[in-house]
């Protein structure tokens, strides 16, 4: 019999079974999880609870325009996990969550908060359109819940938003929440655009830290995210962590 964690991940990933398509097509069953099931992971013990943790949320575009790139993104995320596991302590104190977005009401909690040391490989799948607001709202909600689990606290959580297209909804309300959260010290928001069709002005609505991923080099991008988590974990809370940008990341505006 599979254990409860395996069962949860099976439901979250909406594995290819005969009823999975129906599950994904119903707006009241986003992620194939109801609300109570979605947060069962909160009952799992935190690894190394006496240490300050890093809290990373990846909010990833899986719309149709990402289809030719989606395997590269999956591979780059998994490589980031593998690289961080080379330092066992780091892998245990970096907790990562992945939320994907595409069609309206098709945001998906692909990976609930899990230490990198125990996170399973991801395999992203594409949808059609580019609706991101509910995924961003979920990111903020999940971070709030995750922070309450830490006995020794955490560094300011990162929300990393990645898209290659124009978001097809009004961002004004969610951008207010994201930027107020930055002011209140609840999180950092970093936005990354890939390809030539994303809208920089939309990303600048969401964050003052916006970058272009040159040549869609997701390998360098996610490697930099992993290096940033390593630097953060070795810093004192409140310290700046100036990890040099790789050539693949071009800042559109740099608050620092």
Protein backbone atom coordinates (compact mmCIF):
# COMPACT_ATOMS: atom_id res chain seq x y z
CA UNK A 1 0.00 0.00 0.00
CA UNK A 2 1.36 3.48 -0.83
CA UNK A 3 1.99 5.78 2.10
CA UNK A 4 -0.07 8.95 2.57
CA UNK A 5 2.64 11.22 1.13
CA UNK A 6 2.84 9.13 -2.04
CA UNK A 7 -0.93 9.14 -2.32
CA UNK A 8 -1.01 12.90 -1.95
CA UNK A 9 1.62 13.43 -4.62
CA UNK A 10 -0.24 11.07 -6.92
CA UNK A 11 -3.36 13.20 -6.57
CA UNK A 12 -1.46 16.49 -6.92
CA UNK A 13 0.25 15.48 -10.12
CA UNK A 14 -3.04 14.27 -11.66
CA UNK A 15 -1.38 11.22 -13.15
CA UNK A 16 -2.51 9.95 -16.55
CA UNK A 17 -5.48 7.86 -15.68
CA UNK A 18 -8.83 7.68 -17.32
CA UNK A 19 -10.43 10.19 -14.95
CA UNK A 20 -7.55 12.70 -14.80
CA UNK A 21 -8.75 14.75 -17.77
CA UNK A 22 -12.17 15.13 -16.18
CA UNK A 23 -10.55 16.17 -12.95
CA UNK A 24 -8.55 18.91 -14.67
CA UNK A 25 -11.55 20.16 -16.62
CA UNK A 26 -13.59 20.95 -13.51
CA UNK A 27 -12.99 24.38 -11.97
CA UNK A 28 -14.16 23.20 -8.55
CA UNK A 29 -11.45 20.52 -8.50
CA UNK A 30 -8.37 22.60 -9.28
CA UNK A 31 -5.27 20.46 -8.70
CA UNK A 32 -7.50 17.38 -8.26
CA UNK A 33 -7.45 18.26 -4.56
CA UNK A 34 -10.11 19.75 -2.33
CA UNK A 35 -9.01 22.39 0.16
CA UNK A 36 -8.57 20.04 3.11
CA UNK A 37 -6.52 17.53 1.09
CA UNK A 38 -4.33 20.25 -0.37
CA UNK A 39 -2.95 21.18 3.04
CA UNK A 40 -2.43 17.70 4.48
CA UNK A 41 1.28 18.27 3.87
CA UNK A 42 1.19 20.77 6.76
CA UNK A 43 1.10 17.75 9.09
CA UNK A 44 4.52 16.55 7.89
CA UNK A 45 7.45 17.28 10.22
CA UNK A 46 9.88 19.99 9.16
CA UNK A 47 13.43 18.72 8.66
CA UNK A 48 16.06 20.27 10.94
CA UNK A 49 13.44 22.31 12.86
CA UNK A 50 16.10 24.01 15.00
CA UNK A 51 17.58 25.74 11.94
CA UNK A 52 16.38 28.80 10.04
CA UNK A 53 14.85 27.66 6.74
CA UNK A 54 14.67 29.06 3.22
CA UNK A 55 11.21 29.12 1.67
CA UNK A 56 11.06 29.09 -2.15
CA UNK A 57 7.91 29.13 -4.29
CA UNK A 58 8.20 28.68 -8.06
CA UNK A 59 5.16 29.98 -9.96
CA UNK A 60 5.65 28.62 -13.47
CA UNK A 61 3.82 29.31 -16.74
CA UNK A 62 2.75 26.07 -18.44
CA UNK A 63 0.58 27.66 -21.13
CA UNK A 64 0.60 26.36 -24.70
CA UNK A 65 3.40 28.68 -25.77
CA UNK A 66 5.70 26.90 -23.31
CA UNK A 67 5.22 23.51 -24.98
CA UNK A 68 8.53 23.54 -26.86
CA UNK A 69 10.37 24.59 -23.69
CA UNK A 70 8.57 22.66 -20.99
CA UNK A 71 10.95 19.70 -20.90
CA UNK A 72 13.89 22.10 -20.55
CA UNK A 73 12.15 23.75 -17.59
CA UNK A 74 11.43 20.39 -15.93
CA UNK A 75 15.02 19.25 -16.47
CA UNK A 76 16.43 22.51 -15.09
CA UNK A 77 14.31 22.33 -11.93
CA UNK A 78 15.34 18.73 -11.33
CA UNK A 79 19.01 19.61 -11.91
CA UNK A 80 18.66 22.43 -9.37
CA UNK A 81 17.34 19.91 -6.86
CA UNK A 82 20.21 17.50 -7.61
CA UNK A 83 22.83 20.22 -7.21
CA UNK A 84 21.42 21.34 -3.86
CA UNK A 85 21.36 17.75 -2.61
CA UNK A 86 25.15 17.70 -2.92
CA UNK A 87 25.08 19.74 0.32
CA UNK A 88 22.85 17.67 2.66
CA UNK A 89 22.21 20.45 5.16
CA UNK A 90 21.19 22.86 2.39
CA UNK A 91 18.78 20.31 0.90
CA UNK A 92 17.11 19.89 4.29
CA UNK A 93 16.61 23.59 5.07
CA UNK A 94 15.44 24.76 1.63
CA UNK A 95 11.72 24.08 1.33
CA UNK A 96 10.32 24.43 -2.16
CA UNK A 97 6.82 24.59 -3.61
CA UNK A 98 5.84 24.62 -7.28
CA UNK A 99 2.60 26.14 -8.58
CA UNK A 100 1.84 26.04 -12.29
CA UNK A 101 -0.65 28.14 -14.23
CA UNK A 102 -2.23 28.06 -17.68
CA UNK A 103 -5.97 28.12 -18.44
CA UNK A 104 -8.52 29.90 -16.29
CA UNK A 105 -8.97 27.86 -13.08
CA UNK A 106 -6.12 25.52 -14.09
CA UNK A 107 -3.55 26.65 -11.54
CA UNK A 108 -2.04 23.55 -9.98
CA UNK A 109 -0.19 22.91 -6.76
CA UNK A 110 2.30 20.59 -8.41
CA UNK A 111 4.54 20.35 -5.36
CA UNK A 112 3.42 21.35 -1.85
CA UNK A 113 6.19 22.68 0.36
CA UNK A 114 8.80 19.95 0.65
CA UNK A 115 12.45 19.98 1.57
CA UNK A 116 14.68 19.67 -1.47
CA UNK A 117 16.14 16.54 0.10
CA UNK A 118 12.81 14.73 -0.24
CA UNK A 119 11.23 16.48 -3.25
CA UNK A 120 10.40 14.16 -6.13
CA UNK A 121 11.40 14.92 -9.74
CA UNK A 122 8.90 17.12 -11.54
CA UNK A 123 7.44 16.66 -14.99
CA UNK A 124 5.56 19.72 -16.19
CA UNK A 125 2.70 19.53 -18.68
CA UNK A 126 1.26 22.36 -20.73
CA UNK A 127 -2.25 23.78 -21.03
CA UNK A 128 -3.46 26.57 -23.31
CA UNK A 129 -3.81 30.12 -22.01
CA UNK A 130 -2.02 32.38 -19.49
CA UNK A 131 -4.07 33.10 -16.36
CA UNK A 132 -1.79 33.71 -13.38
CA UNK A 133 -3.70 35.59 -10.67
CA UNK A 134 -5.01 32.58 -8.74
CA UNK A 135 -1.59 30.93 -8.83
CA UNK A 136 -0.02 34.06 -7.30
CA UNK A 137 -2.76 34.22 -4.67
CA UNK A 138 -2.14 30.56 -3.84
CA UNK A 139 1.58 31.27 -3.50
CA UNK A 140 0.96 33.96 -0.88
CA UNK A 141 -1.54 31.80 1.00
CA UNK A 142 0.76 28.79 1.05
CA UNK A 143 3.72 30.85 2.26
CA UNK A 144 1.68 32.17 5.16
CA UNK A 145 0.79 28.63 6.19
CA UNK A 146 4.33 27.35 5.72
CA UNK A 147 5.92 30.10 7.82
CA UNK A 148 3.73 29.07 10.76
CA UNK A 149 5.39 25.61 10.72
CA UNK A 150 8.91 26.80 11.45
CA UNK A 151 10.14 26.53 15.02
CA UNK A 152 13.21 28.68 14.35
CA UNK A 153 11.72 30.89 11.67
CA UNK A 154 12.77 31.38 8.06
CA UNK A 155 14.49 33.85 5.82
CA UNK A 156 12.15 36.09 3.87
CA UNK A 157 10.40 33.71 1.42
CA UNK A 158 11.00 34.04 -2.30
CA UNK A 159 8.23 33.97 -4.90
CA UNK A 160 9.82 33.32 -8.30
CA UNK A 161 7.42 33.97 -11.18
CA UNK A 162 8.29 32.69 -14.66
CA UNK A 163 6.35 33.31 -17.89
CA UNK A 164 6.88 33.51 -21.63
CA UNK A 165 3.60 35.21 -22.50
CA UNK A 166 1.12 38.00 -21.85
CA UNK A 167 -1.06 37.40 -18.82
CA UNK A 168 -4.70 37.45 -19.87
CA UNK A 169 -6.29 39.10 -16.84
CA UNK A 170 -6.18 42.23 -14.69
CA UNK A 171 -3.16 42.21 -12.38
CA UNK A 172 -3.90 45.34 -10.36
CA UNK A 173 -5.32 43.73 -7.23
CA UNK A 174 -2.82 40.88 -6.98
CA UNK A 175 0.07 43.28 -7.66
CA UNK A 176 -1.08 45.44 -4.75
CA UNK A 177 -1.03 42.41 -2.46
CA UNK A 178 2.38 41.27 -3.69
CA UNK A 179 3.99 44.70 -3.29
CA UNK A 180 2.36 45.29 0.10
CA UNK A 181 3.72 41.92 1.16
CA UNK A 182 7.19 43.10 0.18
CA UNK A 183 6.75 46.27 2.22
CA UNK A 184 5.51 44.26 5.19
CA UNK A 185 8.47 41.89 4.99
CA UNK A 186 6.35 38.85 4.11
CA UNK A 187 8.16 37.85 0.92
CA UNK A 188 10.40 38.82 -1.98
CA UNK A 189 8.95 38.66 -5.51
CA UNK A 190 11.20 38.12 -8.53
CA UNK A 191 9.76 37.96 -12.06
CA UNK A 192 11.40 36.42 -15.10
CA UNK A 193 10.34 36.65 -18.73
CA UNK A 194 11.41 34.13 -21.35
CA UNK A 195 11.26 34.48 -25.11
CA UNK A 196 9.99 37.53 -26.97
CA UNK A 197 6.26 37.52 -26.23
CA UNK A 198 6.02 38.27 -22.52
CA UNK A 199 4.95 41.76 -21.45
CA UNK A 200 7.65 43.50 -19.36
CA UNK A 201 5.15 46.10 -18.16
CA UNK A 202 3.01 43.36 -16.63
CA UNK A 203 5.98 41.88 -14.78
CA UNK A 204 6.92 45.32 -13.49
CA UNK A 205 3.43 45.57 -12.06
CA UNK A 206 4.18 42.52 -9.93
CA UNK A 207 7.73 43.28 -8.81
CA UNK A 208 10.60 45.76 -8.90
CA UNK A 209 12.94 42.84 -9.61
CA UNK A 210 12.34 41.79 -13.22
CA UNK A 211 14.72 39.91 -15.49
CA UNK A 212 14.79 38.53 -19.00
CA UNK A 213 15.96 34.93 -19.41
CA UNK A 214 18.18 35.32 -22.48
CA UNK A 215 17.83 32.59 -25.10
CA UNK A 216 15.41 30.80 -22.73
CA UNK A 217 18.43 29.43 -20.87
CA UNK A 218 16.49 27.79 -18.06
CA UNK A 219 19.48 25.73 -16.97
CA UNK A 220 21.48 28.83 -16.00
CA UNK A 221 18.40 30.48 -14.55
CA UNK A 222 17.52 27.68 -12.15
CA UNK A 223 21.18 27.14 -11.32
CA UNK A 224 21.26 30.78 -10.19
CA UNK A 225 18.15 30.26 -8.07
CA UNK A 226 19.82 27.29 -6.37
CA UNK A 227 23.02 29.28 -5.77
CA UNK A 228 20.95 32.11 -4.32
CA UNK A 229 19.28 29.74 -1.88
CA UNK A 230 22.71 28.45 -0.83
CA UNK A 231 23.95 32.01 -0.25
CA UNK A 232 20.79 32.91 1.63
CA UNK A 233 21.11 29.89 3.91
CA UNK A 234 24.65 30.95 4.88
CA UNK A 235 23.72 34.57 5.60
CA UNK A 236 22.37 36.37 8.63
CA UNK A 237 18.68 37.32 8.38
CA UNK A 238 18.43 40.71 6.74
CA UNK A 239 21.77 40.49 4.92
CA UNK A 240 21.97 41.21 1.20
CA UNK A 241 22.93 38.17 -0.86
CA UNK A 242 24.51 39.53 -4.05
CA UNK A 243 24.92 36.35 -6.08
CA UNK A 244 26.40 37.46 -9.44
CA UNK A 245 23.93 37.23 -12.29
CA UNK A 246 24.78 34.79 -15.07
CA UNK A 247 24.83 36.05 -18.65
CA UNK A 248 21.45 34.41 -19.17
CA UNK A 249 19.72 36.86 -16.80
CA UNK A 250 19.31 40.45 -17.97
CA UNK A 251 17.80 42.83 -15.39
CA UNK A 252 15.03 45.06 -16.69
CA UNK A 253 15.06 46.95 -13.42
CA UNK A 254 17.30 46.22 -10.46
CA UNK A 255 16.16 47.57 -7.10
CA UNK A 256 19.53 46.76 -5.55
